[in-house]
Amino acid sequence: MEKLTVDGVYAAAERLRDLLPPTPAWSYPVLDAAVGSRAIVKHENVQPTGAFKVRGGLNLLATLSPAERAAGLITVSTGNHAQSLAYAAGRAGVAATIVMPRSTPFGKAQAVRAWGARALLEGSDMAQAADFAVSLAAREGLHFVNPGNTPAIVYGHGTVYLELLQSHPEIETLYVPVGSGSGLAGALLVRDALAPSVRVVGVQAESASAAYDSWRAGAVVAVEAHTFAAGLATGTGFELPQSIMRERLDDFLLVSDDDLRHAMSLMATAAHTLCEGAGAAGLAGALADASRPGVVGFACTGGNACASEMAGLGRVAVGV
């Protein structure tokens, strides 16, 4: 397996420079008061697909060989990775097929098709959908893109934290949402090169703890995922990001679905921002961290909240 280095993140940033403007990052006084620390929020929800993963898709398409482009791509995803690859493939004129579990909300499949990709609903969960995608890749000669073990995707996702730490060197702790772990691996590469004193904390749903369990075990672990937060509902760890996390991660927190819903509500009321469940995980981690310092940073990694994710939102008190 390819060894990841920060040079890959720097190269991705150069490729993305003319494709995506840097996303804004700032603080909100009411949110700061609720957190008890200055909280710097990076708004990846303003990306064209509504999530940070577009960075990985665009970087991947820019690094494919002519043969891989001609073959067409196939991947498996519940949403944001799917839209990322569909968007990037459409821009590059490359055919893309996205396999999604049958439980995927209609709107997410519709968004993939709107970007010009083929969306197939197969399997009762991500594991079955992935098995179908691999078999279809073999039958049709498609290039299979592993959502967690593809270096170009990790490097693209790492550019979120390259921008954040370059623009806000005062950050003391980064809280990074974890599904497959690609964003966290990218953040760790950047931290070690750019700001080694910054503490990096992974945040995952306790009811979908595959990456956390894999990190604790020192080996890839598969578990059932039951969280409402689709972007965190990954049923297995991935070896490539785990290889970085094992050596470099400072801490890893598990948060409840109630914690995630509270963070979504707080982002909506105190930061004027609609987050999906995964997109609010950084804030949920900061709120849960007893070691939280004076200045924290996290990305709203996505704003693609479907109706079921929004259904549990209520008003929260954010007294100052």
Foldseek 3Di string as FASTA:
>chain_A
DDADALVLLVVLCVQCVVPDPAFDWDFFVLLCLLLVATEIATEQCPPPQRFLLLLLLQLVVVPDDPVQQALAEEEEALADVLLSNLQNNLVVVGAYEYEYAQPRDPVRQVSSVVSPYHYHHDHNHRVRSRVVRVVVCVVSVHHYDYCQADNSSLSSLLNNLLVVCVVCVVAAEEEEEDAQQSNVLSNQNNCVVPPVRHAYEYEAAPQQCQQVVCLVVVHKDFAAHDAPQRSRRHGIYDDNSSVRCNVGHDYYDHDHNVLLLVQQQCCCPRVVAAAFSSLSRRVSVSSPDPPRDRYYYYYSRGRPHDPVRCVPHDHDDSDD
